[in-house]
């Protein structure tokens, strides 16, 4: 567990297969912060949406596993769909196991989760989870996510902001604040707040205030990405088809239809025409 799993970055190329348009993990940003330097809101929001029995179970939640198994059986996919994973299981899955859909992997995950709970405290496990959760692209951990999206430390997160951060890790690409699914992200944030209220983390008054609070996300730049809008579209399609985990771990080599040299030439022509028009306007 201490050695951790090494992620293999997905690379997106132009049509030649030689020019890298984007390396998803090239500039991974991860800042580890102590547990007491994280907002209590983000801790509670994460527990509410991911594992509301976190402080009561011994690594696995038998009831959640049974519910997930019944639901998956009804959907005709016993090993897919809902996983019933606890936060502890997700820590194990992220750190040491491959994410293949095999019964043996799920059994290993359960056994290791029970064992890790004998070694680490609940707070230590939650601290690891919050410091290593993916929040989209190269952003990992609540501190980097808080800085990237809100321009503040994780210790200073307000309730409505913490609820947004807790909403993202389930599908970081799909729920990206700068993506095309802001409405879906807003709905999941509202769900997080409702779960916090049901679990007694916040009052009804706090819930009502947070539900109508205005949230401003900082715009993320596209440094290090060639043809960023095209590439971000490709990333969304890959996540939808292969899953978020595959993008982060399997080292996919993606050849696209874009001709980077032709793209550059077109951009230069456009820039030249804009400059000429500006000169005419100024004249």
Protein backbone atom coordinates (compact mmCIF):
# COMPACT_ATOMS: atom_id res chain seq x y z
CA UNK A 1 0.00 0.00 0.00
CA UNK A 2 2.85 2.41 0.81
CA UNK A 3 4.42 1.82 -2.60
CA UNK A 4 1.15 2.79 -4.33
CA UNK A 5 0.21 2.13 -7.91
CA UNK A 6 1.93 4.03 -10.72
CA UNK A 7 -0.49 5.62 -13.16
CA UNK A 8 0.19 5.35 -16.90
CA UNK A 9 -0.76 8.54 -18.67
CA UNK A 10 -3.09 8.63 -21.66
CA UNK A 11 -1.64 10.56 -24.61
CA UNK A 12 -3.66 12.11 -27.41
CA UNK A 13 -1.93 12.51 -30.78
CA UNK A 14 -2.74 14.13 -34.09
CA UNK A 15 -3.43 11.99 -37.16
CA UNK A 16 0.28 11.27 -37.72
CA UNK A 17 0.63 9.57 -34.34
CA UNK A 18 3.80 11.58 -33.75
CA UNK A 19 2.67 14.96 -32.42
CA UNK A 20 1.30 14.86 -28.87
CA UNK A 21 -1.69 17.17 -28.52
CA UNK A 22 -2.19 16.43 -24.82
CA UNK A 23 -0.60 14.24 -22.15
CA UNK A 24 -3.27 13.85 -19.49
CA UNK A 25 -0.87 13.24 -16.59
CA UNK A 26 2.18 15.16 -17.75
CA UNK A 27 1.79 17.92 -15.18
CA UNK A 28 -0.14 16.17 -12.42
CA UNK A 29 -0.90 18.59 -9.62
CA UNK A 30 -1.19 17.09 -6.17
CA UNK A 31 -0.68 18.91 -2.85
CA UNK A 32 -1.01 16.76 0.25
CA UNK A 33 -2.48 18.59 3.23
CA UNK A 34 -3.02 17.35 6.81
CA UNK A 35 -6.50 16.25 7.82
CA UNK A 36 -6.97 19.17 10.21
CA UNK A 37 -6.23 21.62 7.38
CA UNK A 38 -9.27 20.52 5.39
CA UNK A 39 -12.67 22.11 5.79
CA UNK A 40 -15.03 20.01 7.89
CA UNK A 41 -17.62 20.71 5.22
CA UNK A 42 -15.67 18.83 2.56
CA UNK A 43 -15.08 15.88 4.90
CA UNK A 44 -18.77 15.64 5.75
CA UNK A 45 -19.89 16.20 2.15
CA UNK A 46 -17.63 13.39 0.95
CA UNK A 47 -18.89 10.97 3.59
CA UNK A 48 -22.52 11.91 2.88
CA UNK A 49 -22.34 11.20 -0.84
CA UNK A 50 -19.74 8.42 -0.96
CA UNK A 51 -20.13 6.38 2.24
CA UNK A 52 -22.53 7.56 4.92
CA UNK A 53 -21.67 4.57 7.14
CA UNK A 54 -17.93 5.25 6.94
CA UNK A 55 -17.40 5.64 10.68
CA UNK A 56 -19.57 2.61 11.48
CA UNK A 57 -18.34 -0.19 9.19
CA UNK A 58 -15.13 -2.25 9.34
CA UNK A 59 -13.96 -1.59 5.78
CA UNK A 60 -16.89 -2.93 3.81
CA UNK A 61 -20.61 -2.19 4.03
CA UNK A 62 -22.41 -5.52 3.69
CA UNK A 63 -25.82 -3.91 3.21
CA UNK A 64 -24.52 -1.66 0.44
CA UNK A 65 -22.88 -4.63 -1.28
CA UNK A 66 -26.13 -6.62 -1.17
CA UNK A 67 -28.13 -3.65 -2.52
CA UNK A 68 -25.63 -3.15 -5.33
CA UNK A 69 -25.58 -6.86 -6.19
CA UNK A 70 -29.38 -7.00 -6.40
CA UNK A 71 -29.48 -3.86 -8.55
CA UNK A 72 -26.72 -5.13 -10.85
CA UNK A 73 -28.41 -8.56 -11.15
CA UNK A 74 -31.65 -6.87 -12.19
CA UNK A 75 -29.70 -4.88 -14.79
CA UNK A 76 -28.07 -8.07 -16.08
CA UNK A 77 -24.51 -7.11 -15.12
CA UNK A 78 -23.51 -8.63 -11.78
CA UNK A 79 -19.99 -7.15 -11.79
CA UNK A 80 -20.83 -3.77 -13.29
CA UNK A 81 -23.17 -0.94 -12.47
CA UNK A 82 -23.31 -0.08 -8.81
CA UNK A 83 -20.34 -1.20 -6.76
CA UNK A 84 -21.39 -0.58 -3.16
CA UNK A 85 -17.82 0.50 -2.45
CA UNK A 86 -16.91 2.19 0.82
CA UNK A 87 -14.37 5.00 1.03
CA UNK A 88 -11.88 2.44 2.36
CA UNK A 89 -12.46 0.20 -0.65
CA UNK A 90 -11.97 3.15 -2.99
CA UNK A 91 -8.66 3.97 -1.30
CA UNK A 92 -7.52 0.37 -1.84
CA UNK A 93 -8.78 0.36 -5.42
CA UNK A 94 -7.03 3.63 -6.23
CA UNK A 95 -3.78 2.61 -4.56
CA UNK A 96 -3.00 -1.03 -5.30
CA UNK A 97 -5.51 -2.86 -7.50
CA UNK A 98 -6.27 -2.97 -11.19
CA UNK A 99 -9.81 -1.88 -12.01
CA UNK A 100 -10.82 -4.90 -14.05
CA UNK A 101 -14.36 -6.22 -13.58
CA UNK A 102 -13.47 -9.57 -12.06
CA UNK A 103 -14.92 -11.20 -8.98
CA UNK A 104 -11.39 -11.98 -7.76
CA UNK A 105 -10.50 -8.28 -7.78
CA UNK A 106 -13.61 -7.41 -5.78
CA UNK A 107 -12.78 -10.10 -3.22
CA UNK A 108 -9.21 -8.83 -2.88
CA UNK A 109 -10.54 -5.28 -2.49
CA UNK A 110 -12.82 -6.35 0.36
CA UNK A 111 -10.10 -8.32 2.17
CA UNK A 112 -7.52 -5.54 1.87
CA UNK A 113 -10.06 -2.97 3.03
CA UNK A 114 -10.71 -4.94 6.21
CA UNK A 115 -6.97 -5.32 6.77
CA UNK A 116 -6.14 -1.64 6.20
CA UNK A 117 -8.78 -0.62 8.74
CA UNK A 118 -6.83 -2.59 11.36
CA UNK A 119 -3.72 -0.54 10.60
CA UNK A 120 -5.04 2.97 9.94
CA UNK A 121 -7.63 5.06 11.76
CA UNK A 122 -10.79 6.23 10.00
CA UNK A 123 -9.45 9.79 9.86
CA UNK A 124 -6.20 8.59 8.28
CA UNK A 125 -8.11 6.67 5.61
CA UNK A 126 -10.34 9.65 4.85
CA UNK A 127 -7.27 11.91 4.71
CA UNK A 128 -5.68 9.63 2.09
CA UNK A 129 -8.89 9.54 0.09
CA UNK A 130 -9.29 13.32 0.06
CA UNK A 131 -5.63 13.87 -0.84
CA UNK A 132 -5.69 11.41 -3.74
CA UNK A 133 -9.16 11.75 -5.28
CA UNK A 134 -9.22 12.83 -8.95
CA UNK A 135 -10.95 16.09 -9.81
CA UNK A 136 -10.38 16.15 -13.55
CA UNK A 137 -7.37 16.36 -15.83
CA UNK A 138 -4.19 16.75 -13.81
CA UNK A 139 -5.87 17.81 -10.56
CA UNK A 140 -5.72 15.39 -7.63
CA UNK A 141 -6.68 16.02 -4.01
CA UNK A 142 -8.99 18.57 -2.38
CA UNK A 143 -6.28 21.19 -1.91
CA UNK A 144 -5.38 21.39 -5.61
CA UNK A 145 -9.05 21.19 -6.57
CA UNK A 146 -9.99 23.98 -4.16
CA UNK A 147 -7.18 26.19 -5.46
CA UNK A 148 -7.97 25.40 -9.11
CA UNK A 149 -11.74 25.91 -8.93
CA UNK A 150 -12.17 28.49 -6.17
CA UNK A 151 -8.76 30.11 -5.68
CA UNK A 152 -8.67 29.25 -1.98
CA UNK A 153 -7.29 26.64 0.39
CA UNK A 154 -9.27 23.51 1.24
CA UNK A 155 -9.39 24.79 4.83
CA UNK A 156 -11.46 27.80 3.72
CA UNK A 157 -14.13 26.05 1.66
CA UNK A 158 -17.70 27.12 2.28
CA UNK A 159 -20.55 24.62 2.42
CA UNK A 160 -21.82 25.07 -1.13
CA UNK A 161 -18.25 24.87 -2.52
CA UNK A 162 -17.43 21.74 -0.52
CA UNK A 163 -20.58 20.09 -1.89
CA UNK A 164 -19.38 20.74 -5.43
CA UNK A 165 -15.98 19.20 -4.71
CA UNK A 166 -17.62 16.12 -3.19
CA UNK A 167 -19.76 15.80 -6.32
CA UNK A 168 -16.90 15.69 -8.84
CA UNK A 169 -14.79 12.53 -8.13
CA UNK A 170 -17.52 10.10 -9.21
CA UNK A 171 -16.93 11.20 -12.83
CA UNK A 172 -14.31 14.00 -12.97
CA UNK A 173 -14.44 14.51 -16.73
CA UNK A 174 -18.23 14.47 -16.97
CA UNK A 175 -18.74 16.66 -13.89
CA UNK A 176 -15.96 19.12 -14.72
CA UNK A 177 -17.07 22.68 -13.81
CA UNK A 178 -15.49 23.84 -17.06
CA UNK A 179 -17.08 21.12 -19.18
CA UNK A 180 -20.39 20.81 -20.99
CA UNK A 181 -22.37 19.20 -18.17
CA UNK A 182 -22.74 22.02 -15.65
CA UNK A 183 -26.45 21.28 -15.17
CA UNK A 184 -25.66 17.67 -14.19
CA UNK A 185 -22.96 18.91 -11.79
CA UNK A 186 -25.41 21.35 -10.20
CA UNK A 187 -27.94 18.55 -9.66
CA UNK A 188 -25.33 16.33 -8.04
CA UNK A 189 -24.21 19.18 -5.79
CA UNK A 190 -27.81 19.58 -4.66
CA UNK A 191 -27.92 15.83 -3.98
CA UNK A 192 -24.78 16.11 -1.85
CA UNK A 193 -26.39 18.88 0.20
CA UNK A 194 -29.56 16.83 0.67
CA UNK A 195 -27.49 13.83 1.81
CA UNK A 196 -25.64 16.03 4.27
CA UNK A 197 -28.95 17.13 5.76
CA UNK A 198 -30.31 13.56 5.97
CA UNK A 199 -27.13 12.45 7.76
CA UNK A 200 -27.30 15.30 10.25
CA UNK A 201 -24.20 17.16 9.05
CA UNK A 202 -26.09 20.40 8.41
CA UNK A 203 -29.34 22.00 9.52
CA UNK A 204 -32.35 22.74 7.33
CA UNK A 205 -31.43 26.43 7.47
CA UNK A 206 -27.88 25.71 6.29
CA UNK A 207 -29.27 23.51 3.51
CA UNK A 208 -31.59 26.21 2.21
CA UNK A 209 -28.85 28.87 2.24
CA UNK A 210 -26.35 26.59 0.47
CA UNK A 211 -28.84 25.51 -2.20
CA UNK A 212 -29.27 29.09 -3.44
CA UNK A 213 -25.70 30.28 -2.87
CA UNK A 214 -23.96 31.64 -5.96
CA UNK A 215 -20.86 29.66 -6.87
CA UNK A 216 -18.19 31.11 -9.14
CA UNK A 217 -15.64 28.75 -10.66
CA UNK A 218 -12.28 29.98 -11.85
CA UNK A 219 -11.64 29.37 -15.53
CA UNK A 220 -8.87 26.89 -16.17
CA UNK A 221 -6.25 27.65 -18.75
CA UNK A 222 -5.22 25.29 -21.51
CA UNK A 223 -1.45 25.47 -21.06
CA UNK A 224 0.35 22.56 -22.67
CA UNK A 225 -2.63 21.54 -24.83
CA UNK A 226 -2.62 21.85 -28.61
CA UNK A 227 -6.07 22.48 -30.14
CA UNK A 228 -7.63 22.51 -26.64
CA UNK A 229 -11.33 22.59 -27.54
CA UNK A 230 -10.92 19.67 -29.93
CA UNK A 231 -8.85 17.76 -27.37
CA UNK A 232 -11.31 18.35 -24.53
CA UNK A 233 -14.09 17.01 -26.76
CA UNK A 234 -11.98 13.89 -27.38
CA UNK A 235 -11.32 13.46 -23.65
CA UNK A 236 -15.07 13.58 -22.91
CA UNK A 237 -15.74 10.95 -25.57
CA UNK A 238 -13.00 8.69 -24.20
CA UNK A 239 -14.29 8.98 -20.64
CA UNK A 240 -17.80 8.13 -21.77
CA UNK A 241 -16.65 5.12 -23.79
CA UNK A 242 -13.85 3.64 -21.66
CA UNK A 243 -14.36 5.18 -18.21
CA UNK A 244 -12.44 7.70 -16.11
CA UNK A 245 -10.14 5.04 -14.65
CA UNK A 246 -8.93 3.88 -18.05
CA UNK A 247 -7.85 7.43 -18.93
CA UNK A 248 -5.86 7.75 -15.71
CA UNK A 249 -4.30 4.31 -15.49
CA UNK A 250 -4.10 2.35 -18.72
CA UNK A 251 -1.78 4.54 -20.76
CA UNK A 252 -4.08 4.78 -23.79
CA UNK A 253 -2.51 5.96 -27.06
CA UNK A 254 -5.19 7.88 -28.95
CA UNK A 255 -4.79 8.84 -32.61
CA UNK A 256 -7.22 11.58 -33.68
CA UNK A 257 -8.23 12.94 -37.08
CA UNK A 258 -6.65 16.36 -36.53
CA UNK A 259 -3.70 17.39 -38.72
CA UNK A 260 -1.66 19.60 -36.39
CA UNK A 261 0.52 21.18 -39.10
CA UNK A 262 -2.56 22.06 -41.15
CA UNK A 263 -4.21 23.39 -37.99
CA UNK A 264 -1.21 25.60 -37.29
CA UNK A 265 -1.20 26.91 -40.84
CA UNK A 266 -4.91 27.75 -40.61
CA UNK A 267 -4.42 29.54 -37.28
CA UNK A 268 -1.55 31.58 -38.74
CA UNK A 269 -3.70 32.63 -41.71
CA UNK A 270 -6.56 33.66 -39.40
CA UNK A 271 -4.17 35.58 -37.14
CA UNK A 272 -2.67 37.35 -40.15
CA UNK A 273 -6.11 38.37 -41.47
CA UNK A 274 -7.14 39.63 -38.02
CA UNK A 275 -3.97 41.72 -37.84
CA UNK A 276 -4.61 43.19 -41.27
CA UNK A 277 -8.21 44.08 -40.40
CA UNK A 278 -7.07 45.70 -37.17
CA UNK A 279 -4.57 47.83 -39.10
CA UNK A 280 -7.34 48.92 -41.49
CA UNK A 281 -9.64 49.72 -38.60
CA UNK A 282 -6.98 51.75 -36.80
CA UNK A 283 -6.15 53.58 -40.01
